Amino acid sequence: MPVRDLSEAINRANSVNYGLQAGVFIRDITRAFQAIRHLKVGGVMINDSSDYRIDAMPFGGVKGSGLGREGVRFAAEAMSEPKVVAFNLES
């Protein structure tokens, strides 16, 4: 879909019920950070396609694209049982 400017592109991307990842091709670093701040997605790839991913990167979306993230760290957390321990050393 052709768009007039970055703001229109961000608005169109945010207007759908999905938000997995976005690919933004741009030369201006200030405008790249504008896209990063305003896109409602799980990940933003600057100057690469939205399907770019390495295993160590958290991966996941927002809205209809799901909740939470997957990846090595998140898999380890999912298979762990955290325990809170508190010591009262005043008594």
PDB file of N, CA and C in Angstrom:
ATOM      1  N   MET A   1       0.829  -1.179   0.000  1.00  0.00           N
ATOM      2  CA  MET A   1       0.000   0.000   0.000  1.00  0.00           C
ATOM      3  C   MET A   1       0.873   1.242   0.000  1.00  0.00           C
ATOM      4  N   PRO A   2       0.736   2.071  -0.962  1.00  0.00           N
ATOM      5  CA  PRO A   2       1.497   3.336  -0.943  1.00  0.00           C
ATOM      6  C   PRO A   2       1.009   4.245   0.187  1.00  0.00           C
ATOM      7  N   VAL A   3       1.935   4.950   0.813  1.00  0.00           N
ATOM      8  CA  VAL A   3       1.590   5.910   1.863  1.00  0.00           C
ATOM      9  C   VAL A   3       2.288   7.231   1.574  1.00  0.00           C
ATOM     10  N   ARG A   4       1.736   8.309   2.120  1.00  0.00           N
ATOM     11  CA  ARG A   4       2.308   9.642   1.898  1.00  0.00           C
ATOM     12  C   ARG A   4       3.545   9.900   2.747  1.00  0.00           C
ATOM     13  N   ASP A   5       3.532   9.390   3.992  1.00  0.00           N
ATOM     14  CA  ASP A   5       4.648   9.678   4.893  1.00  0.00           C
ATOM     15  C   ASP A   5       4.708   8.627   6.002  1.00  0.00           C
ATOM     16  N   LEU A   6       5.691   8.772   6.857  1.00  0.00           N
ATOM     17  CA  LEU A   6       5.912   7.807   7.937  1.00  0.00           C
ATOM     18  C   LEU A   6       4.724   7.753   8.896  1.00  0.00           C
ATOM     19  N   SER A   7       4.150   8.893   9.213  1.00  0.00           N
ATOM     20  CA  SER A   7       3.010   8.909  10.136  1.00  0.00           C
ATOM     21  C   SER A   7       1.843   8.102   9.592  1.00  0.00           C
ATOM     22  N   GLU A   8       1.568   8.226   8.299  1.00  0.00           N
ATOM     23  CA  GLU A   8       0.484   7.442   7.708  1.00  0.00           C
ATOM     24  C   GLU A   8       0.821   5.951   7.742  1.00  0.00           C
ATOM     25  N   ALA A   9       2.074   5.606   7.487  1.00  0.00           N
ATOM     26  CA  ALA A   9       2.480   4.198   7.529  1.00  0.00           C
ATOM     27  C   ALA A   9       2.297   3.623   8.933  1.00  0.00           C
ATOM     28  N   ILE A  10       2.690   4.378   9.943  1.00  0.00           N
ATOM     29  CA  ILE A  10       2.537   3.933  11.333  1.00  0.00           C
ATOM     30  C   ILE A  10       1.053   3.783  11.671  1.00  0.00           C
ATOM     31  N   ASN A  11       0.245   4.757  11.292  1.00  0.00           N
ATOM     32  CA  ASN A  11      -1.196   4.689  11.577  1.00  0.00           C
ATOM     33  C   ASN A  11      -1.835   3.487  10.902  1.00  0.00           C
ATOM     34  N   ARG A  12      -1.470   3.216   9.658  1.00  0.00           N
ATOM     35  CA  ARG A  12      -2.033   2.051   8.960  1.00  0.00           C
ATOM     36  C   ARG A  12      -1.601   0.748   9.624  1.00  0.00           C
ATOM     37  N   ALA A  13      -0.326   0.671   9.989  1.00  0.00           N
ATOM     38  CA  ALA A  13       0.175  -0.546  10.638  1.00  0.00           C
ATOM     39  C   ALA A  13      -0.520  -0.767  11.975  1.00  0.00           C
ATOM     40  N   ASN A  14      -0.756   0.295  12.719  1.00  0.00           N
ATOM     41  CA  ASN A  14      -1.379   0.181  14.034  1.00  0.00           C
ATOM     42  C   ASN A  14      -2.887  -0.038  13.964  1.00  0.00           C
ATOM     43  N   SER A  15      -3.485   0.193  12.802  1.00  0.00           N
ATOM     44  CA  SER A  15      -4.946   0.113  12.690  1.00  0.00           C
ATOM     45  C   SER A  15      -5.474  -1.314  12.577  1.00  0.00           C
ATOM     46  N   VAL A  16      -4.591  -2.288  12.409  1.00  0.00           N
ATOM     47  CA  VAL A  16      -5.031  -3.680  12.305  1.00  0.00           C
ATOM     48  C   VAL A  16      -4.939  -4.351  13.670  1.00  0.00           C
ATOM     49  N   ASN A  17      -5.575  -5.499  13.810  1.00  0.00           N
ATOM     50  CA  ASN A  17      -5.593  -6.196  15.092  1.00  0.00           C
ATOM     51  C   ASN A  17      -4.408  -7.149  15.248  1.00  0.00           C
ATOM     52  N   TYR A  18      -3.322  -6.888  14.568  1.00  0.00           N
ATOM     53  CA  TYR A  18      -2.145  -7.737  14.682  1.00  0.00           C
ATOM     54  C   TYR A  18      -0.926  -6.864  14.916  1.00  0.00           C
ATOM     55  N   GLY A  19       0.093  -7.435  15.529  1.00  0.00           N
ATOM     56  CA  GLY A  19       1.290  -6.665  15.805  1.00  0.00           C
ATOM     57  C   GLY A  19       2.477  -7.553  16.108  1.00  0.00           C
ATOM     58  N   LEU A  20       2.817  -8.440  15.172  1.00  0.00           N
ATOM     59  CA  LEU A  20       3.934  -9.342  15.422  1.00  0.00           C
ATOM     60  C   LEU A  20       5.259  -8.591  15.274  1.00  0.00           C
ATOM     61  N   GLN A  21       5.643  -8.265  14.054  1.00  0.00           N
ATOM     62  CA  GLN A  21       6.875  -7.507  13.814  1.00  0.00           C
ATOM     63  C   GLN A  21       6.647  -6.570  12.647  1.00  0.00           C
ATOM     64  N   ALA A  22       7.490  -5.541  12.565  1.00  0.00           N
ATOM     65  CA  ALA A  22       7.426  -4.589  11.463  1.00  0.00           C
ATOM     66  C   ALA A  22       8.820  -4.418  10.885  1.00  0.00           C
ATOM     67  N   GLY A  23       8.885  -4.258   9.581  1.00  0.00           N
ATOM     68  CA  GLY A  23      10.130  -3.919   8.903  1.00  0.00           C
ATOM     69  C   GLY A  23      10.025  -2.500   8.374  1.00  0.00           C
ATOM     70  N   VAL A  24      10.982  -1.650   8.749  1.00  0.00           N
ATOM     71  CA  VAL A  24      10.968  -0.248   8.342  1.00  0.00           C
ATOM     72  C   VAL A  24      12.265   0.049   7.607  1.00  0.00           C
ATOM     73  N   PHE A  25      12.133   0.484   6.371  1.00  0.00           N
ATOM     74  CA  PHE A  25      13.307   0.850   5.566  1.00  0.00           C
ATOM     75  C   PHE A  25      13.386   2.368   5.555  1.00  0.00           C
ATOM     76  N   ILE A  26      14.452   2.909   6.183  1.00  0.00           N
ATOM     77  CA  ILE A  26      14.540   4.348   6.382  1.00  0.00           C
ATOM     78  C   ILE A  26      16.002   4.754   6.551  1.00  0.00           C
ATOM     79  N   ARG A  27      16.338   5.954   6.120  1.00  0.00           N
ATOM     80  CA  ARG A  27      17.725   6.441   6.239  1.00  0.00           C
ATOM     81  C   ARG A  27      17.936   7.367   7.429  1.00  0.00           C
ATOM     82  N   ASP A  28      16.880   7.996   7.899  1.00  0.00           N
ATOM     83  CA  ASP A  28      16.953   9.007   8.954  1.00  0.00           C
ATOM     84  C   ASP A  28      16.794   8.334  10.321  1.00  0.00           C
ATOM     85  N   ILE A  29      17.834   8.370  11.145  1.00  0.00           N
ATOM     86  CA  ILE A  29      17.814   7.690  12.442  1.00  0.00           C
ATOM     87  C   ILE A  29      16.751   8.261  13.371  1.00  0.00           C
ATOM     88  N   THR A  30      16.502   9.559  13.303  1.00  0.00           N
ATOM     89  CA  THR A  30      15.470  10.176  14.139  1.00  0.00           C
ATOM     90  C   THR A  30      14.101   9.626  13.777  1.00  0.00           C
ATOM     91  N   ARG A  31      13.834   9.498  12.497  1.00  0.00           N
ATOM     92  CA  ARG A  31      12.552   8.955  12.055  1.00  0.00           C
ATOM     93  C   ARG A  31      12.465   7.453  12.339  1.00  0.00           C
ATOM     94  N   ALA A  32      13.605   6.763  12.321  1.00  0.00           N
ATOM     95  CA  ALA A  32      13.611   5.342  12.694  1.00  0.00           C
ATOM     96  C   ALA A  32      13.151   5.189  14.138  1.00  0.00           C
ATOM     97  N   PHE A  33      13.666   6.036  15.032  1.00  0.00           N
ATOM     98  CA  PHE A  33      13.250   5.970  16.434  1.00  0.00           C
ATOM     99  C   PHE A  33      11.796   6.394  16.606  1.00  0.00           C
ATOM    100  N   GLN A  34      11.309   7.281  15.749  1.00  0.00           N
ATOM    101  CA  GLN A  34       9.883   7.637  15.763  1.00  0.00           C
ATOM    102  C   GLN A  34       9.048   6.390  15.467  1.00  0.00           C
ATOM    103  N   ALA A  35       9.451   5.629  14.467  1.00  0.00           N
ATOM    104  CA  ALA A  35       8.733   4.395  14.126  1.00  0.00           C
ATOM    105  C   ALA A  35       8.808   3.400  15.275  1.00  0.00           C
ATOM    106  N   ILE A  36       9.974   3.240  15.866  1.00  0.00           N
ATOM    107  CA  ILE A  36      10.155   2.303  16.988  1.00  0.00           C
ATOM    108  C   ILE A  36       9.229   2.673  18.144  1.00  0.00           C
ATOM    109  N   ARG A  37       9.160   3.969  18.475  1.00  0.00           N
ATOM    110  CA  ARG A  37       8.329   4.421  19.595  1.00  0.00           C
ATOM    111  C   ARG A  37       6.839   4.225  19.340  1.00  0.00           C
ATOM    112  N   HIS A  38       6.401   4.439  18.105  1.00  0.00           N
ATOM    113  CA  HIS A  38       4.967   4.508  17.840  1.00  0.00           C
ATOM    114  C   HIS A  38       4.351   3.245  17.248  1.00  0.00           C
ATOM    115  N   LEU A  39       5.135   2.348  16.704  1.00  0.00           N
ATOM    116  CA  LEU A  39       4.560   1.113  16.162  1.00  0.00           C
ATOM    117  C   LEU A  39       4.146   0.193  17.300  1.00  0.00           C
ATOM    118  N   LYS A  40       2.928  -0.298  17.247  1.00  0.00           N
ATOM    119  CA  LYS A  40       2.413  -1.207  18.282  1.00  0.00           C
ATOM    120  C   LYS A  40       2.622  -2.639  17.804  1.00  0.00           C
ATOM    121  N   VAL A  41       3.870  -3.093  17.944  1.00  0.00           N
ATOM    122  CA  VAL A  41       4.267  -4.425  17.494  1.00  0.00           C
ATOM    123  C   VAL A  41       5.256  -5.018  18.494  1.00  0.00           C
ATOM    124  N   GLY A  42       5.496  -6.314  18.377  1.00  0.00           N
ATOM    125  CA  GLY A  42       6.427  -6.982  19.267  1.00  0.00           C
ATOM    126  C   GLY A  42       7.883  -6.728  18.932  1.00  0.00           C
ATOM    127  N   GLY A  43       8.186  -6.377  17.681  1.00  0.00           N
ATOM    128  CA  GLY A  43       9.561  -6.116  17.269  1.00  0.00           C
ATOM    129  C   GLY A  43       9.598  -5.238  16.037  1.00  0.00           C
ATOM    130  N   VAL A  44      10.625  -4.413  15.941  1.00  0.00           N
ATOM    131  CA  VAL A  44      10.813  -3.536  14.783  1.00  0.00           C
ATOM    132  C   VAL A  44      12.195  -3.798  14.208  1.00  0.00           C
ATOM    133  N   MET A  45      12.237  -4.170  12.940  1.00  0.00           N
ATOM    134  CA  MET A  45      13.493  -4.389  12.235  1.00  0.00           C
ATOM    135  C   MET A  45      13.746  -3.164  11.359  1.00  0.00           C
ATOM    136  N   ILE A  46      14.821  -2.449  11.624  1.00  0.00           N
ATOM    137  CA  ILE A  46      15.163  -1.266  10.839  1.00  0.00           C
ATOM    138  C   ILE A  46      16.051  -1.701   9.675  1.00  0.00           C
ATOM    139  N   ASN A  47      15.621  -1.346   8.478  1.00  0.00           N
ATOM    140  CA  ASN A  47      16.317  -1.657   7.229  1.00  0.00           C
ATOM    141  C   ASN A  47      16.473  -3.164   6.993  1.00  0.00           C
ATOM    142  N   ASP A  48      15.470  -3.915   7.440  1.00  0.00           N
ATOM    143  CA  ASP A  48      15.396  -5.342   7.149  1.00  0.00           C
ATOM    144  C   ASP A  48      13.933  -5.741   7.171  1.00  0.00           C
ATOM    145  N   SER A  49      13.658  -6.924   6.663  1.00  0.00           N
ATOM    146  CA  SER A  49      12.263  -7.364   6.587  1.00  0.00           C
ATOM    147  C   SER A  49      11.763  -7.801   7.955  1.00  0.00           C
ATOM    148  N   SER A  50      10.452  -7.834   8.092  1.00  0.00           N
ATOM    149  CA  SER A  50       9.854  -8.174   9.378  1.00  0.00           C
ATOM    150  C   SER A  50      10.077  -9.629   9.777  1.00  0.00           C
ATOM    151  N   ASP A  51      10.564 -10.458   8.859  1.00  0.00           N
ATOM    152  CA  ASP A  51      10.789 -11.868   9.220  1.00  0.00           C
ATOM    153  C   ASP A  51      12.213 -12.135   9.690  1.00  0.00           C
ATOM    154  N   TYR A  52      13.050 -11.094   9.825  1.00  0.00           N
ATOM    155  CA  TYR A  52      14.407 -11.275  10.333  1.00  0.00           C
ATOM    156  C   TYR A  52      14.341 -11.713  11.788  1.00  0.00           C
ATOM    157  N   ARG A  53      15.120 -12.730  12.116  1.00  0.00           N
ATOM    158  CA  ARG A  53      15.154 -13.228  13.495  1.00  0.00           C
ATOM    159  C   ARG A  53      16.371 -14.104  13.697  1.00  0.00           C
ATOM    160  N   ILE A  54      17.002 -13.990  14.856  1.00  0.00           N
ATOM    161  CA  ILE A  54      18.015 -14.946  15.279  1.00  0.00           C
ATOM    162  C   ILE A  54      17.496 -15.610  16.552  1.00  0.00           C
ATOM    163  N   ASP A  55      17.969 -16.797  16.843  1.00  0.00           N
ATOM    164  CA  ASP A  55      17.430 -17.562  17.967  1.00  0.00           C
ATOM    165  C   ASP A  55      17.530 -16.851  19.310  1.00  0.00           C
ATOM    166  N   ALA A  56      18.553 -16.037  19.506  1.00  0.00           N
ATOM    167  CA  ALA A  56      18.729 -15.387  20.804  1.00  0.00           C
ATOM    168  C   ALA A  56      17.793 -14.191  20.996  1.00  0.00           C
ATOM    169  N   MET A  57      17.119 -13.748  19.927  1.00  0.00           N
ATOM    170  CA  MET A  57      16.215 -12.598  20.029  1.00  0.00           C
ATOM    171  C   MET A  57      14.874 -13.022  20.604  1.00  0.00           C
ATOM    172  N   PRO A  58      14.331 -12.240  21.530  1.00  0.00           N
ATOM    173  CA  PRO A  58      12.953 -12.506  21.954  1.00  0.00           C
ATOM    174  C   PRO A  58      12.031 -12.339  20.748  1.00  0.00           C
ATOM    175  N   PHE A  59      11.011 -13.174  20.637  1.00  0.00           N
ATOM    176  CA  PHE A  59      10.106 -13.109  19.497  1.00  0.00           C
ATOM    177  C   PHE A  59       8.682 -13.248  19.995  1.00  0.00           C
ATOM    178  N   GLY A  60       7.817 -12.382  19.550  1.00  0.00           N
ATOM    179  CA  GLY A  60       6.415 -12.441  19.927  1.00  0.00           C
ATOM    180  C   GLY A  60       5.728 -11.159  19.552  1.00  0.00           C
ATOM    181  N   GLY A  61       4.420 -11.150  19.675  1.00  0.00           N
ATOM    182  CA  GLY A  61       3.657 -10.007  19.225  1.00  0.00           C
ATOM    183  C   GLY A  61       2.734  -9.437  20.273  1.00  0.00           C
ATOM    184  N   VAL A  62       1.942  -8.481  19.812  1.00  0.00           N
ATOM    185  CA  VAL A  62       0.936  -7.829  20.647  1.00  0.00           C
ATOM    186  C   VAL A  62      -0.399  -7.909  19.921  1.00  0.00           C
ATOM    187  N   LYS A  63      -1.443  -7.480  20.575  1.00  0.00           N
ATOM    188  CA  LYS A  63      -2.808  -7.506  20.030  1.00  0.00           C
ATOM    189  C   LYS A  63      -3.150  -8.934  19.597  1.00  0.00           C
ATOM    190  N   GLY A  64      -3.685  -9.124  18.391  1.00  0.00           N
ATOM    191  CA  GLY A  64      -4.087 -10.439  17.920  1.00  0.00           C
ATOM    192  C   GLY A  64      -2.940 -11.364  17.586  1.00  0.00           C
ATOM    193  N   SER A  65      -1.716 -10.859  17.682  1.00  0.00           N
ATOM    194  CA  SER A  65      -0.546 -11.693  17.392  1.00  0.00           C
ATOM    195  C   SER A  65      -0.041 -12.426  18.624  1.00  0.00           C
ATOM    196  N   GLY A  66      -0.734 -12.294  19.741  1.00  0.00           N
ATOM    197  CA  GLY A  66      -0.372 -13.052  20.923  1.00  0.00           C
ATOM    198  C   GLY A  66       0.249 -12.222  22.017  1.00  0.00           C
ATOM    199  N   LEU A  67       0.418 -12.856  23.148  1.00  0.00           N
ATOM    200  CA  LEU A  67       1.011 -12.214  24.317  1.00  0.00           C
ATOM    201  C   LEU A  67       2.276 -12.948  24.701  1.00  0.00           C
ATOM    202  N   GLY A  68       3.238 -12.213  25.217  1.00  0.00           N
ATOM    203  CA  GLY A  68       4.457 -12.846  25.686  1.00  0.00           C
ATOM    204  C   GLY A  68       5.499 -12.977  24.589  1.00  0.00           C
ATOM    205  N   ARG A  69       6.598 -13.589  24.933  1.00  0.00           N
ATOM    206  CA  ARG A  69       7.719 -13.753  24.010  1.00  0.00           C
ATOM    207  C   ARG A  69       8.200 -15.190  24.061  1.00  0.00           C
ATOM    208  N   GLU A  70       8.886 -15.588  23.010  1.00  0.00           N
ATOM    209  CA  GLU A  70       9.541 -16.883  22.992  1.00  0.00           C
ATOM    210  C   GLU A  70      11.001 -16.662  22.637  1.00  0.00           C
ATOM    211  N   GLY A  71      11.809 -17.658  22.875  1.00  0.00           N
ATOM    212  CA  GLY A  71      13.246 -17.572  22.653  1.00  0.00           C
ATOM    213  C   GLY A  71      13.940 -18.313  23.777  1.00  0.00           C
ATOM    214  N   VAL A  72      15.254 -18.381  23.716  1.00  0.00           N
ATOM    215  CA  VAL A  72      16.034 -19.173  24.675  1.00  0.00           C
ATOM    216  C   VAL A  72      15.742 -18.759  26.112  1.00  0.00           C
ATOM    217  N   ARG A  73      15.850 -17.476  26.414  1.00  0.00           N
ATOM    218  CA  ARG A  73      15.637 -17.010  27.793  1.00  0.00           C
ATOM    219  C   ARG A  73      14.219 -17.316  28.265  1.00  0.00           C
ATOM    220  N   PHE A  74      13.250 -17.078  27.395  1.00  0.00           N
ATOM    221  CA  PHE A  74      11.864 -17.279  27.783  1.00  0.00           C
ATOM    222  C   PHE A  74      11.523 -18.757  27.930  1.00  0.00           C
ATOM    223  N   ALA A  75      12.148 -19.612  27.136  1.00  0.00           N
ATOM    224  CA  ALA A  75      11.951 -21.059  27.283  1.00  0.00           C
ATOM    225  C   ALA A  75      12.513 -21.526  28.622  1.00  0.00           C
ATOM    226  N   ALA A  76      13.689 -21.036  28.993  1.00  0.00           N
ATOM    227  CA  ALA A  76      14.283 -21.404  30.283  1.00  0.00           C
ATOM    228  C   ALA A  76      13.401 -20.940  31.430  1.00  0.00           C
ATOM    229  N   GLU A  77      12.849 -19.726  31.326  1.00  0.00           N
ATOM    230  CA  GLU A  77      11.947 -19.226  32.371  1.00  0.00           C
ATOM    231  C   GLU A  77      10.682 -20.076  32.448  1.00  0.00           C
ATOM    232  N   ALA A  78      10.151 -20.489  31.291  1.00  0.00           N
ATOM    233  CA  ALA A  78       8.927 -21.288  31.270  1.00  0.00           C
ATOM    234  C   ALA A  78       9.136 -22.652  31.909  1.00  0.00           C
ATOM    235  N   MET A  79      10.370 -23.162  31.872  1.00  0.00           N
ATOM    236  CA  MET A  79      10.656 -24.479  32.447  1.00  0.00           C
ATOM    237  C   MET A  79      11.216 -24.381  33.856  1.00  0.00           C
ATOM    238  N   SER A  80      11.182 -23.194  34.433  1.00  0.00           N
ATOM    239  CA  SER A  80      11.712 -22.977  35.781  1.00  0.00           C
ATOM    240  C   SER A  80      10.575 -22.673  36.748  1.00  0.00           C
ATOM    241  N   GLU A  81      10.828 -22.928  38.001  1.00  0.00           N
ATOM    242  CA  GLU A  81       9.864 -22.606  39.045  1.00  0.00           C
ATOM    243  C   GLU A  81      10.547 -21.645  40.003  1.00  0.00           C
ATOM    244  N   PRO A  82      10.286 -20.345  39.851  1.00  0.00           N
ATOM    245  CA  PRO A  82      10.952 -19.384  40.737  1.00  0.00           C
ATOM    246  C   PRO A  82      10.444 -19.516  42.175  1.00  0.00           C
ATOM    247  N   LYS A  83      11.294 -19.178  43.110  1.00  0.00           N
ATOM    248  CA  LYS A  83      10.925 -19.239  44.526  1.00  0.00           C
ATOM    249  C   LYS A  83      11.398 -17.954  45.190  1.00  0.00           C
ATOM    250  N   VAL A  84      10.502 -17.325  45.928  1.00  0.00           N
ATOM    251  CA  VAL A  84      10.850 -16.125  46.674  1.00  0.00           C
ATOM    252  C   VAL A  84      11.281 -16.554  48.069  1.00  0.00           C
ATOM    253  N   VAL A  85      12.407 -16.010  48.535  1.00  0.00           N
ATOM    254  CA  VAL A  85      12.908 -16.296  49.875  1.00  0.00           C
ATOM    255  C   VAL A  85      13.198 -14.967  50.551  1.00  0.00           C
ATOM    256  N   ALA A  86      12.725 -14.793  51.768  1.00  0.00           N
ATOM    257  CA  ALA A  86      12.980 -13.571  52.527  1.00  0.00           C
ATOM    258  C   ALA A  86      13.484 -13.929  53.916  1.00  0.00           C
ATOM    259  N   PHE A  87      14.527 -13.280  54.358  1.00  0.00           N
ATOM    260  CA  PHE A  87      15.079 -13.496  55.701  1.00  0.00           C
ATOM    261  C   PHE A  87      14.814 -12.258  56.536  1.00  0.00           C
ATOM    262  N   ASN A  88      14.304 -12.435  57.722  1.00  0.00           N
ATOM    263  CA  ASN A  88      14.179 -11.362  58.692  1.00  0.00           C
ATOM    264  C   ASN A  88      15.315 -11.553  59.683  1.00  0.00           C
ATOM    265  N   LEU A  89      16.343 -10.771  59.593  1.00  0.00           N
ATOM    266  CA  LEU A  89      17.531 -10.937  60.435  1.00  0.00           C
ATOM    267  C   LEU A  89      17.486 -10.054  61.684  1.00  0.00           C
ATOM    268  N   GLU A  90      16.385  -9.365  61.936  1.00  0.00           N
ATOM    269  CA  GLU A  90      16.263  -8.483  63.092  1.00  0.00           C
ATOM    270  C   GLU A  90      15.836  -9.231  64.339  1.00  0.00           C
ATOM    271  N   SER A  91      15.313 -10.438  64.235  1.00  0.00           N
ATOM    272  CA  SER A  91      14.807 -11.105  65.451  1.00  0.00           C
ATOM    273  C   SER A  91      15.805 -12.067  66.038  1.00  0.00           C
TER     274      SER A  91
END
